[in-house]
Every structure is written in C-alpha cells, then in structure tokens.
C-alpha cells in the first residue's frame, strides 16, 4: 500500500469526511447523507482468476442506513495516476457488492416484509494536478467493440471527480476537513501559494499525514508534535496554523541551505524563494535546487515574474 493511498484512506474513513465527500460531489452540498447513518462495509471481495480465488480491496466503503433499512452502499476509490482500466475495476467492485446481496441473510426488509435490494455507488477521486484525466471513463470507451455487437453491450460509466479542477461552487460545498485537501490540490494545479484557511480542523493527525504524502514535504511530519501541543494549549488548530508552521520550518531549512549555496547578498532572496516553494508544497524543487545551480536559477527567474 502506497503512502498516499494509505493517508487518503485514513482521512476518508471518518464518517463526517465520507458523508461530506458524498454530499458535496453528488448532492451539491445538500446534507442528504448524515454521518450517523453510515456504517463500515467490508472492503474485501473475491473473484476467480486462472483457477485461483483472489481478493480485491476497495479503498473505503460504507453502508448508508435509514430507519434500520440499508438504502445504499457507497465506495470511494482514490487515484493519483490515471488507470486505463479503472472502469473495469469499478464494475468489478460494484458487481461484487451486488452479488453479496444475494448471499446476505434476508434481514434488510421493508414494512411489508419484502427483502430490499439497495444500489451501489462508487466515487473515483482523482488527485492528479498536472494533467486532466484522459483515460477511459466508461466500459464502452475502454472496450474494442464490433459495431454489430455494440447495441447488446451494456455500458458502465464511472463517477469520476477531478479534484484539482472542481469549480469554486463545488469546492464551497465541502464542509469537512476535506475542503482543505481540494483547495490545496487546486493551488498545486495553478502553481499558486496556499496559506490554509481559518477553519478549525477535526482530524489533525490524518491531515498532517495526508499533506505530507501528497506534497512530499517532510515538514508536515517534523511539525506534528508542535501542532499537537499547540492544540492542547489553544484548544483548536486551523489549516492556516499548519501552513504557517510548515513555512517557518521551510525558512529555517532554507536559511541553512542558503548559507551553503550563496553569497551574503543572495541569501535574502534565496530564503524568500525557498519559503515560497515550501508553502506551495514544492519541497522536491528545493532539494533539487540545492545541488543544481542551473535549476536554482530557473526557479529564481520564475519567482521574479
């Protein structure tokens, strides 16, 4: 399991975050799914391949219940890179969830005593920031289908959401910590500095780990104790506090690296450059610049514009 994948799951597994993602992306922010109506679902299912039984695992899965009746199954799949076969994977996950309803004990009944079958919905969250999703988004797009056969092949479209390209209206629909994630991804796409908002975080440890994973900046790990201690003292932490601490850490590191890199008159501009890059989640660029003078100059020219 990759670091990013694990960190994304940890945050999304919280019912308030999961419900918020579903409400924001499917219902325009209307509070249709309540966090207390969600229960964890089994993420594993099995399938046969070359005579062997194999397991497949969803990223996060929840049952949606109302009045003791299961009314839906929702799954979230996270993608940092594009996957040409994602539509096939989704139909496999969803098919397994439908098949499991035939094996369950008939406890999910309505007032008339009839067994209730519930829908399965999967959201695919694309975390990429450099390029939009150009791979297949449906079964038909992925398959090579003879024209004579086409009318008889059912299509299956996946619910894909390119987080870094969501509109302002869509982003404003998020109410949980996940809004910070989406706003940060958009900033990365636009190569603008993200300072963090004044909203108080509910899942600080998970957020620090996720931002560490998606930014590649180890400062989020370095400041963890400082942030958690501040929470104990102040009673609340905002994303602005986190990014300010990361920026301070970046300035401190930039100061040390700047001393090694440049003459006295160059250090001030280097500190400003490194602080800006760390604030934008570009820690890799800082590390490369410390050993590549040509690349450092490229960044300096970019920063002056």
C-alpha atoms as a PDB file:
ATOM      1  CA  UNK A   1       0.000   0.000   0.000  1.00  0.00           C
ATOM      2  CA  UNK A   2       1.477   3.368  -1.011  1.00  0.00           C
ATOM      3  CA  UNK A   3       1.932   6.224   1.451  1.00  0.00           C
ATOM      4  CA  UNK A   4      -0.552   8.442  -0.411  1.00  0.00           C
ATOM      5  CA  UNK A   5      -3.150   5.704  -0.712  1.00  0.00           C
ATOM      6  CA  UNK A   6      -2.930   4.883   2.983  1.00  0.00           C
ATOM      7  CA  UNK A   7      -3.134   8.534   4.057  1.00  0.00           C
ATOM      8  CA  UNK A   8      -6.154   9.197   1.839  1.00  0.00           C
ATOM      9  CA  UNK A   9      -7.980   6.203   3.306  1.00  0.00           C
ATOM     10  CA  UNK A  10      -7.288   7.238   6.902  1.00  0.00           C
ATOM     11  CA  UNK A  11      -8.977  10.608   6.428  1.00  0.00           C
ATOM     12  CA  UNK A  12     -11.866   9.391   4.280  1.00  0.00           C
ATOM     13  CA  UNK A  13     -12.700   6.564   6.700  1.00  0.00           C
ATOM     14  CA  UNK A  14     -14.099   9.105   9.174  1.00  0.00           C
ATOM     15  CA  UNK A  15     -17.874   9.241   8.772  1.00  0.00           C
ATOM     16  CA  UNK A  16     -18.047  13.056   8.757  1.00  0.00           C
ATOM     17  CA  UNK A  17     -15.488  13.251   5.942  1.00  0.00           C
ATOM     18  CA  UNK A  18     -17.029  10.385   3.960  1.00  0.00           C
ATOM     19  CA  UNK A  19     -20.532  11.879   4.225  1.00  0.00           C
ATOM     20  CA  UNK A  20     -19.174  15.305   3.252  1.00  0.00           C
ATOM     21  CA  UNK A  21     -17.484  13.954   0.117  1.00  0.00           C
ATOM     22  CA  UNK A  22     -20.685  12.216  -0.983  1.00  0.00           C
ATOM     23  CA  UNK A  23     -22.894  15.220  -0.194  1.00  0.00           C
ATOM     24  CA  UNK A  24     -20.571  17.717  -1.880  1.00  0.00           C
ATOM     25  CA  UNK A  25     -19.917  15.753  -5.062  1.00  0.00           C
ATOM     26  CA  UNK A  26     -23.270  14.031  -5.581  1.00  0.00           C
ATOM     27  CA  UNK A  27     -25.773  16.407  -3.971  1.00  0.00           C
ATOM     28  CA  UNK A  28     -24.213  19.854  -4.379  1.00  0.00           C
ATOM     29  CA  UNK A  29     -23.577  20.209  -0.656  1.00  0.00           C
ATOM     30  CA  UNK A  30     -27.108  19.374   0.468  1.00  0.00           C
ATOM     31  CA  UNK A  31     -26.873  17.308   3.654  1.00  0.00           C
ATOM     32  CA  UNK A  32     -28.556  14.183   2.319  1.00  0.00           C
ATOM     33  CA  UNK A  33     -26.216  11.622   3.888  1.00  0.00           C
ATOM     34  CA  UNK A  34     -25.798  12.057   7.650  1.00  0.00           C
ATOM     35  CA  UNK A  35     -22.595  10.827   9.261  1.00  0.00           C
ATOM     36  CA  UNK A  36     -24.521   8.844  11.887  1.00  0.00           C
ATOM     37  CA  UNK A  37     -26.331   6.964   9.110  1.00  0.00           C
ATOM     38  CA  UNK A  38     -23.081   5.394   7.878  1.00  0.00           C
ATOM     39  CA  UNK A  39     -21.563   2.106   8.986  1.00  0.00           C
ATOM     40  CA  UNK A  40     -18.373   0.468   7.778  1.00  0.00           C
ATOM     41  CA  UNK A  41     -18.704  -2.083   4.989  1.00  0.00           C
ATOM     42  CA  UNK A  42     -16.368  -4.953   4.207  1.00  0.00           C
ATOM     43  CA  UNK A  43     -13.834  -3.571   1.690  1.00  0.00           C
ATOM     44  CA  UNK A  44     -12.742  -7.026   0.523  1.00  0.00           C
ATOM     45  CA  UNK A  45     -14.391  -9.213  -2.078  1.00  0.00           C
ATOM     46  CA  UNK A  46     -13.140 -12.222  -4.009  1.00  0.00           C
ATOM     47  CA  UNK A  47     -13.050 -13.314  -7.639  1.00  0.00           C
ATOM     48  CA  UNK A  48     -11.775 -16.264  -9.658  1.00  0.00           C
ATOM     49  CA  UNK A  49      -8.786 -15.824 -11.943  1.00  0.00           C
ATOM     50  CA  UNK A  50      -6.886 -18.617 -13.702  1.00  0.00           C
ATOM     51  CA  UNK A  51      -8.487 -21.122 -11.373  1.00  0.00           C
ATOM     52  CA  UNK A  52      -7.445 -19.317  -8.182  1.00  0.00           C
ATOM     53  CA  UNK A  53      -9.561 -17.284  -5.788  1.00  0.00           C
ATOM     54  CA  UNK A  54      -8.166 -13.784  -5.339  1.00  0.00           C
ATOM     55  CA  UNK A  55      -9.072 -10.841  -3.150  1.00  0.00           C
ATOM     56  CA  UNK A  56      -9.801  -7.320  -4.320  1.00  0.00           C
ATOM     57  CA  UNK A  57      -9.998  -4.390  -1.928  1.00  0.00           C
ATOM     58  CA  UNK A  58     -11.879  -1.120  -2.165  1.00  0.00           C
ATOM     59  CA  UNK A  59     -10.240   1.976  -0.689  1.00  0.00           C
ATOM     60  CA  UNK A  60     -13.158   2.957   1.567  1.00  0.00           C
ATOM     61  CA  UNK A  61     -16.690   1.526   1.708  1.00  0.00           C
ATOM     62  CA  UNK A  62     -19.723   2.417   3.828  1.00  0.00           C
ATOM     63  CA  UNK A  63     -23.330   1.306   4.156  1.00  0.00           C
ATOM     64  CA  UNK A  64     -25.956   4.058   4.175  1.00  0.00           C
ATOM     65  CA  UNK A  65     -28.836   3.240   6.514  1.00  0.00           C
ATOM     66  CA  UNK A  66     -32.129   4.889   7.419  1.00  0.00           C
ATOM     67  CA  UNK A  67     -34.734   3.625   9.889  1.00  0.00           C
ATOM     68  CA  UNK A  68     -32.847   0.323  10.242  1.00  0.00           C
ATOM     69  CA  UNK A  69     -33.061  -0.213   6.478  1.00  0.00           C
ATOM     70  CA  UNK A  70     -29.931  -0.335   4.364  1.00  0.00           C
ATOM     71  CA  UNK A  71     -30.630   2.028   1.476  1.00  0.00           C
ATOM     72  CA  UNK A  72     -27.253   2.195  -0.210  1.00  0.00           C
ATOM     73  CA  UNK A  73     -23.642   1.098  -0.474  1.00  0.00           C
ATOM     74  CA  UNK A  74     -21.094   3.820  -1.206  1.00  0.00           C
ATOM     75  CA  UNK A  75     -17.472   3.282  -2.108  1.00  0.00           C
ATOM     76  CA  UNK A  76     -14.583   5.673  -2.702  1.00  0.00           C
ATOM     77  CA  UNK A  77     -11.605   4.853  -4.905  1.00  0.00           C
ATOM     78  CA  UNK A  78      -8.580   7.159  -4.904  1.00  0.00           C
ATOM     79  CA  UNK A  79      -6.401   7.639  -7.974  1.00  0.00           C
ATOM     80  CA  UNK A  80      -3.233   9.700  -8.081  1.00  0.00           C
ATOM     81  CA  UNK A  81      -2.327   8.410 -11.541  1.00  0.00           C
ATOM     82  CA  UNK A  82      -4.631   7.601 -14.434  1.00  0.00           C
ATOM     83  CA  UNK A  83      -5.686   3.996 -14.925  1.00  0.00           C
ATOM     84  CA  UNK A  84      -6.941   2.953 -18.358  1.00  0.00           C
ATOM     85  CA  UNK A  85      -8.774   0.005 -16.807  1.00  0.00           C
ATOM     86  CA  UNK A  86     -10.425   1.904 -13.960  1.00  0.00           C
ATOM     87  CA  UNK A  87     -13.910   1.417 -15.415  1.00  0.00           C
ATOM     88  CA  UNK A  88     -13.330  -2.353 -15.383  1.00  0.00           C
ATOM     89  CA  UNK A  89     -12.139  -2.217 -11.786  1.00  0.00           C
ATOM     90  CA  UNK A  90     -15.202  -0.226 -10.707  1.00  0.00           C
ATOM     91  CA  UNK A  91     -17.640  -2.610 -12.360  1.00  0.00           C
ATOM     92  CA  UNK A  92     -15.821  -5.468 -10.638  1.00  0.00           C
ATOM     93  CA  UNK A  93     -16.141  -3.803  -7.223  1.00  0.00           C
ATOM     94  CA  UNK A  94     -19.772  -2.871  -7.795  1.00  0.00           C
ATOM     95  CA  UNK A  95     -20.661  -6.303  -9.184  1.00  0.00           C
ATOM     96  CA  UNK A  96     -19.206  -7.967  -6.093  1.00  0.00           C
ATOM     97  CA  UNK A  97     -21.281  -5.655  -3.859  1.00  0.00           C
ATOM     98  CA  UNK A  98     -24.458  -6.549  -5.762  1.00  0.00           C
ATOM     99  CA  UNK A  99     -23.615 -10.257  -5.707  1.00  0.00           C
ATOM    100  CA  UNK A 100     -23.112 -10.144  -1.943  1.00  0.00           C
ATOM    101  CA  UNK A 101     -26.746  -9.048  -1.535  1.00  0.00           C
ATOM    102  CA  UNK A 102     -27.822 -12.442  -2.834  1.00  0.00           C
ATOM    103  CA  UNK A 103     -25.726 -14.158  -0.170  1.00  0.00           C
ATOM    104  CA  UNK A 104     -26.786 -11.995   2.768  1.00  0.00           C
ATOM    105  CA  UNK A 105     -29.358 -13.176   5.250  1.00  0.00           C
ATOM    106  CA  UNK A 106     -32.712 -11.578   4.333  1.00  0.00           C
ATOM    107  CA  UNK A 107     -32.700  -9.101   7.232  1.00  0.00           C
ATOM    108  CA  UNK A 108     -32.988  -5.961   5.115  1.00  0.00           C
ATOM    109  CA  UNK A 109     -36.780  -5.855   4.789  1.00  0.00           C
ATOM    110  CA  UNK A 110     -39.327  -3.099   4.421  1.00  0.00           C
ATOM    111  CA  UNK A 111     -42.527  -2.719   6.453  1.00  0.00           C
ATOM    112  CA  UNK A 112     -44.291  -5.144   4.106  1.00  0.00           C
ATOM    113  CA  UNK A 113     -41.725  -7.822   4.871  1.00  0.00           C
ATOM    114  CA  UNK A 114     -40.182  -7.709   1.406  1.00  0.00           C
ATOM    115  CA  UNK A 115     -36.418  -8.021   1.021  1.00  0.00           C
ATOM    116  CA  UNK A 116     -34.940  -4.685  -0.018  1.00  0.00           C
ATOM    117  CA  UNK A 117     -32.134  -4.569  -2.588  1.00  0.00           C
ATOM    118  CA  UNK A 118     -30.053  -1.415  -2.425  1.00  0.00           C
ATOM    119  CA  UNK A 119     -27.976   0.490  -5.009  1.00  0.00           C
ATOM    120  CA  UNK A 120     -24.192   0.568  -5.126  1.00  0.00           C
ATOM    121  CA  UNK A 121     -22.423   3.836  -5.941  1.00  0.00           C
ATOM    122  CA  UNK A 122     -18.677   4.309  -6.379  1.00  0.00           C
ATOM    123  CA  UNK A 123     -16.911   7.662  -6.492  1.00  0.00           C
ATOM    124  CA  UNK A 124     -13.480   7.789  -8.137  1.00  0.00           C
ATOM    125  CA  UNK A 125     -11.431  10.686  -6.756  1.00  0.00           C
ATOM    126  CA  UNK A 126      -8.561  11.779  -8.994  1.00  0.00           C
ATOM    127  CA  UNK A 127      -5.789  13.518  -7.030  1.00  0.00           C
ATOM    128  CA  UNK A 128      -3.641  14.410 -10.049  1.00  0.00           C
ATOM    129  CA  UNK A 129      -2.702  18.070 -10.528  1.00  0.00           C
ATOM    130  CA  UNK A 130      -0.564  18.159 -13.669  1.00  0.00           C
ATOM    131  CA  UNK A 131      -2.900  16.654 -16.261  1.00  0.00           C
ATOM    132  CA  UNK A 132      -6.640  16.111 -16.503  1.00  0.00           C
ATOM    133  CA  UNK A 133      -7.992  12.580 -16.681  1.00  0.00           C
ATOM    134  CA  UNK A 134      -7.835  11.463 -20.322  1.00  0.00           C
ATOM    135  CA  UNK A 135      -8.168   7.696 -19.822  1.00  0.00           C
ATOM    136  CA  UNK A 136     -11.428   5.812 -20.370  1.00  0.00           C
ATOM    137  CA  UNK A 137     -14.315   6.831 -18.114  1.00  0.00           C
ATOM    138  CA  UNK A 138     -16.720   4.095 -19.150  1.00  0.00           C
ATOM    139  CA  UNK A 139     -16.755   0.461 -20.193  1.00  0.00           C
ATOM    140  CA  UNK A 140     -17.586   1.321 -23.804  1.00  0.00           C
ATOM    141  CA  UNK A 141     -14.634   3.723 -24.027  1.00  0.00           C
ATOM    142  CA  UNK A 142     -12.233   1.011 -22.861  1.00  0.00           C
ATOM    143  CA  UNK A 143     -13.527  -1.895 -24.942  1.00  0.00           C
ATOM    144  CA  UNK A 144     -12.966  -2.596 -28.603  1.00  0.00           C
ATOM    145  CA  UNK A 145     -16.499  -3.462 -29.697  1.00  0.00           C
ATOM    146  CA  UNK A 146     -17.686  -4.662 -33.087  1.00  0.00           C
ATOM    147  CA  UNK A 147     -20.387  -2.301 -34.421  1.00  0.00           C
ATOM    148  CA  UNK A 148     -22.829  -5.193 -34.845  1.00  0.00           C
ATOM    149  CA  UNK A 149     -22.324  -6.152 -31.211  1.00  0.00           C
ATOM    150  CA  UNK A 150     -22.433  -2.637 -29.761  1.00  0.00           C
ATOM    151  CA  UNK A 151     -26.223  -2.455 -29.166  1.00  0.00           C
ATOM    152  CA  UNK A 152     -26.024  -5.534 -26.961  1.00  0.00           C
ATOM    153  CA  UNK A 153     -23.087  -4.495 -24.779  1.00  0.00           C
ATOM    154  CA  UNK A 154     -24.245  -2.628 -21.675  1.00  0.00           C
ATOM    155  CA  UNK A 155     -22.198   0.434 -20.838  1.00  0.00           C
ATOM    156  CA  UNK A 156     -20.971   1.217 -17.330  1.00  0.00           C
ATOM    157  CA  UNK A 157     -19.874   4.748 -16.536  1.00  0.00           C
ATOM    158  CA  UNK A 158     -17.776   5.567 -13.516  1.00  0.00           C
ATOM    159  CA  UNK A 159     -18.362   8.633 -11.357  1.00  0.00           C
ATOM    160  CA  UNK A 160     -15.025  10.415 -11.807  1.00  0.00           C
ATOM    161  CA  UNK A 161     -14.191  13.643  -9.979  1.00  0.00           C
ATOM    162  CA  UNK A 162     -11.042  15.580 -10.873  1.00  0.00           C
ATOM    163  CA  UNK A 163     -10.492  17.273  -7.516  1.00  0.00           C
ATOM    164  CA  UNK A 164      -7.961  19.868  -8.686  1.00  0.00           C
ATOM    165  CA  UNK A 165     -10.373  21.056 -11.386  1.00  0.00           C
ATOM    166  CA  UNK A 166     -13.528  21.458  -9.292  1.00  0.00           C
ATOM    167  CA  UNK A 167     -15.274  24.823  -9.585  1.00  0.00           C
ATOM    168  CA  UNK A 168     -15.456  27.359  -6.760  1.00  0.00           C
ATOM    169  CA  UNK A 169     -19.103  26.421  -6.264  1.00  0.00           C
ATOM    170  CA  UNK A 170     -18.247  22.727  -5.974  1.00  0.00           C
ATOM    171  CA  UNK A 171     -15.407  23.390  -3.543  1.00  0.00           C
ATOM    172  CA  UNK A 172     -17.606  25.588  -1.356  1.00  0.00           C
ATOM    173  CA  UNK A 173     -19.977  22.617  -0.943  1.00  0.00           C
ATOM    174  CA  UNK A 174     -17.398  20.805   1.236  1.00  0.00           C
ATOM    175  CA  UNK A 175     -17.847  21.359   4.974  1.00  0.00           C
ATOM    176  CA  UNK A 176     -15.305  18.922   6.443  1.00  0.00           C
ATOM    177  CA  UNK A 177     -11.504  18.866   6.555  1.00  0.00           C
ATOM    178  CA  UNK A 178     -11.548  17.505   3.010  1.00  0.00           C
ATOM    179  CA  UNK A 179     -12.173  21.015   1.694  1.00  0.00           C
ATOM    180  CA  UNK A 180      -8.598  21.897   2.637  1.00  0.00           C
ATOM    181  CA  UNK A 181      -7.364  18.977   0.555  1.00  0.00           C
ATOM    182  CA  UNK A 182      -9.314  20.079  -2.510  1.00  0.00           C
ATOM    183  CA  UNK A 183      -8.239  23.710  -2.178  1.00  0.00           C
ATOM    184  CA  UNK A 184      -4.609  22.651  -1.828  1.00  0.00           C
ATOM    185  CA  UNK A 185      -4.792  20.429  -4.919  1.00  0.00           C
ATOM    186  CA  UNK A 186      -6.251  23.295  -6.931  1.00  0.00           C
ATOM    187  CA  UNK A 187      -3.416  25.556  -5.767  1.00  0.00           C
ATOM    188  CA  UNK A 188      -0.888  22.933  -6.861  1.00  0.00           C
ATOM    189  CA  UNK A 189      -2.517  22.756 -10.281  1.00  0.00           C
ATOM    190  CA  UNK A 190      -2.468  26.547 -10.658  1.00  0.00           C
ATOM    191  CA  UNK A 191       1.043  26.845  -9.124  1.00  0.00           C
ATOM    192  CA  UNK A 192      -0.207  29.368  -6.590  1.00  0.00           C
ATOM    193  CA  UNK A 193       0.620  29.602  -2.901  1.00  0.00           C
ATOM    194  CA  UNK A 194      -1.892  28.085  -0.495  1.00  0.00           C
ATOM    195  CA  UNK A 195      -1.802  29.544   3.000  1.00  0.00           C
ATOM    196  CA  UNK A 196      -4.544  27.420   4.568  1.00  0.00           C
ATOM    197  CA  UNK A 197      -7.917  28.615   5.804  1.00  0.00           C
ATOM    198  CA  UNK A 198      -9.231  29.765   9.176  1.00  0.00           C
ATOM    199  CA  UNK A 199     -11.486  26.712   9.520  1.00  0.00           C
ATOM    200  CA  UNK A 200     -10.733  24.569  12.547  1.00  0.00           C
ATOM    201  CA  UNK A 201      -9.522  21.056  11.747  1.00  0.00           C
ATOM    202  CA  UNK A 202     -11.246  17.996  13.184  1.00  0.00           C
ATOM    203  CA  UNK A 203      -8.721  15.322  12.163  1.00  0.00           C
ATOM    204  CA  UNK A 204      -5.316  16.928  12.619  1.00  0.00           C
ATOM    205  CA  UNK A 205      -3.092  13.840  12.622  1.00  0.00           C
ATOM    206  CA  UNK A 206      -4.730  12.423   9.493  1.00  0.00           C
ATOM    207  CA  UNK A 207      -4.491  15.781   7.732  1.00  0.00           C
ATOM    208  CA  UNK A 208      -0.795  16.162   8.526  1.00  0.00           C
ATOM    209  CA  UNK A 209      -0.090  12.671   7.213  1.00  0.00           C
ATOM    210  CA  UNK A 210      -2.113  13.239   4.040  1.00  0.00           C
ATOM    211  CA  UNK A 211      -0.473  16.582   3.254  1.00  0.00           C
ATOM    212  CA  UNK A 212       2.915  15.034   3.932  1.00  0.00           C
ATOM    213  CA  UNK A 213       2.079  12.285   1.419  1.00  0.00           C
ATOM    214  CA  UNK A 214       0.624  14.428  -1.370  1.00  0.00           C
ATOM    215  CA  UNK A 215       3.182  17.250  -1.063  1.00  0.00           C
ATOM    216  CA  UNK A 216       6.271  15.141  -0.394  1.00  0.00           C
ATOM    217  CA  UNK A 217       7.217  17.705   2.253  1.00  0.00           C
ATOM    218  CA  UNK A 218       8.556  16.056   5.402  1.00  0.00           C
ATOM    219  CA  UNK A 219       7.967  19.316   7.291  1.00  0.00           C
ATOM    220  CA  UNK A 220       4.405  18.140   7.939  1.00  0.00           C
ATOM    221  CA  UNK A 221       5.886  15.279   9.961  1.00  0.00           C
ATOM    222  CA  UNK A 222       8.505  17.482  11.620  1.00  0.00           C
ATOM    223  CA  UNK A 223       5.917  19.951  12.951  1.00  0.00           C
ATOM    224  CA  UNK A 224       3.459  17.287  14.166  1.00  0.00           C
ATOM    225  CA  UNK A 225       4.432  17.498  17.840  1.00  0.00           C
ATOM    226  CA  UNK A 226       4.433  21.291  17.724  1.00  0.00           C
ATOM    227  CA  UNK A 227       0.947  21.343  16.189  1.00  0.00           C
ATOM    228  CA  UNK A 228      -0.486  18.766  18.597  1.00  0.00           C
ATOM    229  CA  UNK A 229       0.984  20.611  21.592  1.00  0.00           C
ATOM    230  CA  UNK A 230      -0.466  23.868  20.293  1.00  0.00           C
ATOM    231  CA  UNK A 231      -3.867  22.188  20.083  1.00  0.00           C
ATOM    232  CA  UNK A 232      -3.633  21.195  23.745  1.00  0.00           C
ATOM    233  CA  UNK A 233      -2.776  24.762  24.696  1.00  0.00           C
ATOM    234  CA  UNK A 234      -5.168  26.643  22.414  1.00  0.00           C
ATOM    235  CA  UNK A 235      -7.953  24.067  22.039  1.00  0.00           C
ATOM    236  CA  UNK A 236      -8.088  24.224  18.250  1.00  0.00           C
ATOM    237  CA  UNK A 237      -5.899  24.194  15.148  1.00  0.00           C
ATOM    238  CA  UNK A 238      -6.619  25.773  11.783  1.00  0.00           C
ATOM    239  CA  UNK A 239      -5.031  24.892   8.484  1.00  0.00           C
ATOM    240  CA  UNK A 240      -3.517  28.358   8.489  1.00  0.00           C
ATOM    241  CA  UNK A 241      -1.626  27.401  11.666  1.00  0.00           C
ATOM    242  CA  UNK A 242      -0.316  24.266   9.981  1.00  0.00           C
ATOM    243  CA  UNK A 243       0.943  26.052   6.884  1.00  0.00           C
ATOM    244  CA  UNK A 244       2.480  28.829   8.937  1.00  0.00           C
ATOM    245  CA  UNK A 245       4.438  26.210  10.904  1.00  0.00           C
ATOM    246  CA  UNK A 246       5.469  24.483   7.668  1.00  0.00           C
ATOM    247  CA  UNK A 247       6.551  27.818   6.220  1.00  0.00           C
ATOM    248  CA  UNK A 248       8.635  28.585   9.328  1.00  0.00           C
ATOM    249  CA  UNK A 249      10.229  25.142   9.055  1.00  0.00           C
ATOM    250  CA  UNK A 250      10.933  25.788   5.378  1.00  0.00           C
ATOM    251  CA  UNK A 251      12.505  29.156   6.129  1.00  0.00           C
ATOM    252  CA  UNK A 252      14.749  27.555   8.750  1.00  0.00           C
ATOM    253  CA  UNK A 253      15.841  24.859   6.320  1.00  0.00           C
ATOM    254  CA  UNK A 254      16.154  27.397   3.529  1.00  0.00           C
ATOM    255  CA  UNK A 255      18.364  29.543   5.734  1.00  0.00           C
ATOM    256  CA  UNK A 256      20.762  26.645   6.282  1.00  0.00           C
ATOM    257  CA  UNK A 257      20.762  25.667   2.633  1.00  0.00           C
ATOM    258  CA  UNK A 258      21.005  29.286   1.519  1.00  0.00           C
ATOM    259  CA  UNK A 259      24.128  29.812   3.588  1.00  0.00           C
ATOM    260  CA  UNK A 260      25.699  26.826   1.862  1.00  0.00           C
ATOM    261  CA  UNK A 261      24.546  27.918  -1.574  1.00  0.00           C
ATOM    262  CA  UNK A 262      25.045  31.620  -1.945  1.00  0.00           C
ATOM    263  CA  UNK A 263      26.936  34.767  -1.046  1.00  0.00           C
ATOM    264  CA  UNK A 264      25.660  37.042   1.696  1.00  0.00           C
ATOM    265  CA  UNK A 265      23.821  39.378  -0.690  1.00  0.00           C
ATOM    266  CA  UNK A 266      21.987  36.406  -2.252  1.00  0.00           C
ATOM    267  CA  UNK A 267      20.734  34.824   0.954  1.00  0.00           C
ATOM    268  CA  UNK A 268      17.662  37.010   1.454  1.00  0.00           C
ATOM    269  CA  UNK A 269      16.276  36.199  -1.996  1.00  0.00           C
ATOM    270  CA  UNK A 270      17.075  32.508  -1.519  1.00  0.00           C
ATOM    271  CA  UNK A 271      15.202  32.428   1.790  1.00  0.00           C
ATOM    272  CA  UNK A 272      12.186  34.062   0.154  1.00  0.00           C
ATOM    273  CA  UNK A 273      12.327  31.612  -2.736  1.00  0.00           C
ATOM    274  CA  UNK A 274      12.602  28.522  -0.524  1.00  0.00           C
ATOM    275  CA  UNK A 275       9.828  29.726   1.792  1.00  0.00           C
ATOM    276  CA  UNK A 276       7.534  30.300  -1.196  1.00  0.00           C
ATOM    277  CA  UNK A 277       8.309  26.886  -2.662  1.00  0.00           C
ATOM    278  CA  UNK A 278       7.678  25.098   0.641  1.00  0.00           C
ATOM    279  CA  UNK A 279       4.382  26.958   1.044  1.00  0.00           C
ATOM    280  CA  UNK A 280       3.350  25.683  -2.391  1.00  0.00           C
ATOM    281  CA  UNK A 281       4.266  22.104  -1.495  1.00  0.00           C
ATOM    282  CA  UNK A 282       7.286  22.089  -3.800  1.00  0.00           C
ATOM    283  CA  UNK A 283       9.794  20.546  -1.404  1.00  0.00           C
ATOM    284  CA  UNK A 284      11.302  18.439  -4.215  1.00  0.00           C
ATOM    285  CA  UNK A 285      12.158  21.625  -6.113  1.00  0.00           C
ATOM    286  CA  UNK A 286      14.012  22.989  -3.080  1.00  0.00           C
ATOM    287  CA  UNK A 287      16.021  19.799  -2.688  1.00  0.00           C
ATOM    288  CA  UNK A 288      16.926  19.761  -6.384  1.00  0.00           C
ATOM    289  CA  UNK A 289      17.891  23.432  -6.320  1.00  0.00           C
ATOM    290  CA  UNK A 290      20.440  22.834  -3.564  1.00  0.00           C
ATOM    291  CA  UNK A 291      22.537  20.680  -5.881  1.00  0.00           C
ATOM    292  CA  UNK A 292      21.616  22.018  -9.329  1.00  0.00           C
ATOM    293  CA  UNK A 293      22.688  25.623  -9.939  1.00  0.00           C
ATOM    294  CA  UNK A 294      21.001  25.813 -13.339  1.00  0.00           C
ATOM    295  CA  UNK A 295      17.702  24.666 -11.872  1.00  0.00           C
ATOM    296  CA  UNK A 296      18.104  27.123  -8.992  1.00  0.00           C
ATOM    297  CA  UNK A 297      18.448  29.940 -11.492  1.00  0.00           C
ATOM    298  CA  UNK A 298      15.328  28.727 -13.325  1.00  0.00           C
ATOM    299  CA  UNK A 299      13.380  28.877 -10.059  1.00  0.00           C
ATOM    300  CA  UNK A 300      14.764  32.322  -9.250  1.00  0.00           C
ATOM    301  CA  UNK A 301      13.662  33.613 -12.671  1.00  0.00           C
ATOM    302  CA  UNK A 302      10.227  32.042 -12.140  1.00  0.00           C
ATOM    303  CA  UNK A 303       9.895  33.632  -8.687  1.00  0.00           C
ATOM    304  CA  UNK A 304      10.769  37.124 -10.010  1.00  0.00           C
ATOM    305  CA  UNK A 305       7.911  37.076 -12.553  1.00  0.00           C
END
